[in-house]
Amino acid sequence: MPSAFHQPRYFLSRGLKQPEIYYDELSDNYFSDFKPSFVVGERSPNNNRFEADISIYRISY
């Protein structure tokens, strides 16, 4: 909890740089060459094939 009067509940630490965050809506084709780091999905009971619902990619530049 903040201890100073009128201090915001969450505040930036002095001396630390804020990360630059970009948001883009990308098509599925953009991710076709990437391999996901984590996948959530389910296996179809009809043909026993895995179908991904959510894929998380680690993209670093």
N, C-alpha and C. Protein backbone atom coordinates (compact mmCIF):
# COMPACT_ATOMS: atom_id res chain seq x y z
N MET A 1 0.84 -1.19 0.00
CA MET A 1 0.00 0.00 0.00
C MET A 1 0.88 1.24 0.00
N PRO A 2 0.48 2.27 -0.73
CA PRO A 2 1.25 3.51 -0.70
C PRO A 2 1.17 4.16 0.67
N SER A 3 2.26 4.78 1.04
CA SER A 3 2.29 5.40 2.37
C SER A 3 2.18 6.91 2.30
N ALA A 4 2.38 7.51 1.14
CA ALA A 4 2.32 8.97 1.01
C ALA A 4 0.91 9.42 0.66
N PHE A 5 0.54 10.57 1.15
CA PHE A 5 -0.77 11.14 0.87
C PHE A 5 -0.86 11.51 -0.61
N HIS A 6 -1.95 11.22 -1.27
CA HIS A 6 -2.21 11.48 -2.68
C HIS A 6 -1.28 10.69 -3.61
N GLN A 7 -0.64 9.67 -3.11
CA GLN A 7 0.20 8.84 -3.96
C GLN A 7 -0.69 7.83 -4.68
N PRO A 8 -0.54 7.69 -6.01
CA PRO A 8 -1.39 6.72 -6.71
C PRO A 8 -1.12 5.30 -6.22
N ARG A 9 -2.12 4.47 -6.36
CA ARG A 9 -1.99 3.10 -5.90
C ARG A 9 -0.88 2.36 -6.64
N TYR A 10 -0.79 2.57 -7.93
CA TYR A 10 0.29 1.99 -8.73
C TYR A 10 1.06 3.14 -9.36
N PHE A 11 2.35 3.18 -9.16
CA PHE A 11 3.15 4.27 -9.69
C PHE A 11 4.43 3.71 -10.29
N LEU A 12 5.01 4.45 -11.22
CA LEU A 12 6.24 4.03 -11.87
C LEU A 12 7.42 4.22 -10.93
N SER A 13 8.30 3.27 -10.91
CA SER A 13 9.51 3.40 -10.12
C SER A 13 10.43 4.41 -10.80
N ARG A 14 11.12 5.15 -10.01
CA ARG A 14 12.05 6.14 -10.56
C ARG A 14 13.27 5.43 -11.12
N GLY A 15 13.72 5.85 -12.29
CA GLY A 15 14.93 5.28 -12.88
C GLY A 15 14.68 4.09 -13.79
N LEU A 16 13.47 3.56 -13.82
CA LEU A 16 13.17 2.43 -14.70
C LEU A 16 12.48 2.94 -15.95
N LYS A 17 12.87 2.41 -17.07
CA LYS A 17 12.23 2.80 -18.33
C LYS A 17 10.99 1.95 -18.55
N GLN A 18 9.94 2.58 -19.04
CA GLN A 18 8.74 1.84 -19.38
C GLN A 18 8.97 1.10 -20.68
N PRO A 19 8.51 -0.14 -20.79
CA PRO A 19 8.67 -0.86 -22.05
C PRO A 19 7.77 -0.26 -23.13
N GLU A 20 8.21 -0.37 -24.36
CA GLU A 20 7.38 0.06 -25.48
C GLU A 20 6.53 -1.13 -25.90
N ILE A 21 5.24 -0.95 -25.91
CA ILE A 21 4.32 -2.02 -26.23
C ILE A 21 3.53 -1.63 -27.46
N TYR A 22 3.50 -2.53 -28.43
CA TYR A 22 2.78 -2.29 -29.68
C TYR A 22 1.71 -3.36 -29.82
N TYR A 23 0.60 -2.97 -30.39
CA TYR A 23 -0.50 -3.90 -30.62
C TYR A 23 -0.87 -3.85 -32.10
N ASP A 24 -0.87 -4.99 -32.73
CA ASP A 24 -1.29 -5.11 -34.12
C ASP A 24 -2.19 -6.32 -34.27
N GLU A 25 -3.21 -6.18 -35.06
CA GLU A 25 -4.05 -7.33 -35.40
C GLU A 25 -3.43 -7.96 -36.63
N LEU A 26 -2.98 -9.18 -36.49
CA LEU A 26 -2.29 -9.86 -37.58
C LEU A 26 -3.14 -11.01 -38.10
N SER A 27 -2.98 -11.29 -39.38
CA SER A 27 -3.74 -12.39 -39.98
C SER A 27 -3.12 -13.73 -39.57
N ASP A 28 -3.86 -14.79 -39.75
CA ASP A 28 -3.36 -16.12 -39.43
C ASP A 28 -2.16 -16.50 -40.29
N ASN A 29 -2.08 -15.95 -41.50
CA ASN A 29 -0.96 -16.24 -42.38
C ASN A 29 0.37 -15.77 -41.80
N TYR A 30 0.34 -14.70 -41.02
CA TYR A 30 1.56 -14.18 -40.40
C TYR A 30 2.20 -15.23 -39.48
N PHE A 31 1.37 -16.02 -38.81
CA PHE A 31 1.86 -17.00 -37.84
C PHE A 31 2.09 -18.38 -38.43
N SER A 32 1.92 -18.54 -39.72
CA SER A 32 2.03 -19.88 -40.31
C SER A 32 3.42 -20.48 -40.17
N ASP A 33 4.46 -19.66 -40.14
CA ASP A 33 5.83 -20.18 -40.00
C ASP A 33 6.30 -20.27 -38.55
N PHE A 34 5.53 -19.74 -37.62
CA PHE A 34 5.90 -19.78 -36.21
C PHE A 34 5.42 -21.07 -35.56
N LYS A 35 6.17 -21.52 -34.57
CA LYS A 35 5.72 -22.65 -33.76
C LYS A 35 5.29 -22.10 -32.41
N PRO A 36 4.07 -22.40 -31.97
CA PRO A 36 3.60 -21.85 -30.70
C PRO A 36 4.38 -22.41 -29.51
N SER A 37 4.52 -21.56 -28.48
CA SER A 37 5.18 -21.98 -27.25
C SER A 37 4.21 -22.73 -26.34
N PHE A 38 2.93 -22.40 -26.46
CA PHE A 38 1.91 -23.00 -25.60
C PHE A 38 0.61 -23.06 -26.37
N VAL A 39 -0.08 -24.18 -26.31
CA VAL A 39 -1.33 -24.36 -27.05
C VAL A 39 -2.39 -24.93 -26.12
N VAL A 40 -3.60 -24.37 -26.21
CA VAL A 40 -4.75 -24.89 -25.48
C VAL A 40 -5.77 -25.32 -26.53
N GLY A 41 -6.30 -26.51 -26.36
CA GLY A 41 -7.28 -26.99 -27.31
C GLY A 41 -7.90 -28.28 -26.82
N GLU A 42 -8.49 -29.01 -27.74
CA GLU A 42 -9.12 -30.28 -27.38
C GLU A 42 -8.99 -31.27 -28.52
N ARG A 43 -9.11 -32.52 -28.16
CA ARG A 43 -9.02 -33.58 -29.15
C ARG A 43 -10.42 -33.95 -29.59
N SER A 44 -10.62 -33.98 -30.88
CA SER A 44 -11.92 -34.32 -31.44
C SER A 44 -12.22 -35.80 -31.22
N PRO A 45 -13.38 -36.12 -30.66
CA PRO A 45 -13.69 -37.55 -30.41
C PRO A 45 -13.95 -38.34 -31.70
N ASN A 46 -14.32 -37.64 -32.78
CA ASN A 46 -14.64 -38.32 -34.03
C ASN A 46 -13.41 -38.88 -34.73
N ASN A 47 -12.38 -38.03 -34.90
CA ASN A 47 -11.21 -38.49 -35.65
C ASN A 47 -9.93 -38.45 -34.82
N ASN A 48 -10.07 -38.19 -33.50
CA ASN A 48 -8.93 -38.21 -32.57
C ASN A 48 -7.85 -37.21 -32.98
N ARG A 49 -8.26 -36.10 -33.60
CA ARG A 49 -7.32 -35.08 -34.05
C ARG A 49 -7.39 -33.88 -33.11
N PHE A 50 -6.22 -33.32 -32.80
CA PHE A 50 -6.14 -32.16 -31.90
C PHE A 50 -6.50 -30.88 -32.64
N GLU A 51 -7.38 -30.08 -32.03
CA GLU A 51 -7.76 -28.79 -32.60
C GLU A 51 -7.42 -27.70 -31.59
N ALA A 52 -6.56 -26.78 -32.00
CA ALA A 52 -6.12 -25.71 -31.10
C ALA A 52 -7.18 -24.62 -31.00
N ASP A 53 -7.44 -24.18 -29.77
CA ASP A 53 -8.34 -23.05 -29.53
C ASP A 53 -7.55 -21.76 -29.36
N ILE A 54 -6.48 -21.83 -28.58
CA ILE A 54 -5.63 -20.66 -28.30
C ILE A 54 -4.18 -21.07 -28.42
N SER A 55 -3.40 -20.27 -29.12
CA SER A 55 -1.97 -20.50 -29.24
C SER A 55 -1.23 -19.26 -28.75
N ILE A 56 -0.19 -19.46 -27.95
CA ILE A 56 0.62 -18.35 -27.45
C ILE A 56 2.00 -18.47 -28.07
N TYR A 57 2.44 -17.37 -28.66
CA TYR A 57 3.72 -17.34 -29.34
C TYR A 57 4.68 -16.41 -28.59
N ARG A 58 5.91 -16.81 -28.49
CA ARG A 58 6.93 -15.94 -27.93
C ARG A 58 7.67 -15.32 -29.11
N ILE A 59 7.45 -14.05 -29.31
CA ILE A 59 8.07 -13.33 -30.41
C ILE A 59 8.99 -12.29 -29.82
N SER A 60 10.27 -12.40 -30.10
CA SER A 60 11.21 -11.40 -29.61
C SER A 60 12.05 -10.92 -30.78
N TYR A 61 12.38 -9.68 -30.75
CA TYR A 61 13.12 -9.06 -31.84
C TYR A 61 14.56 -8.87 -31.46
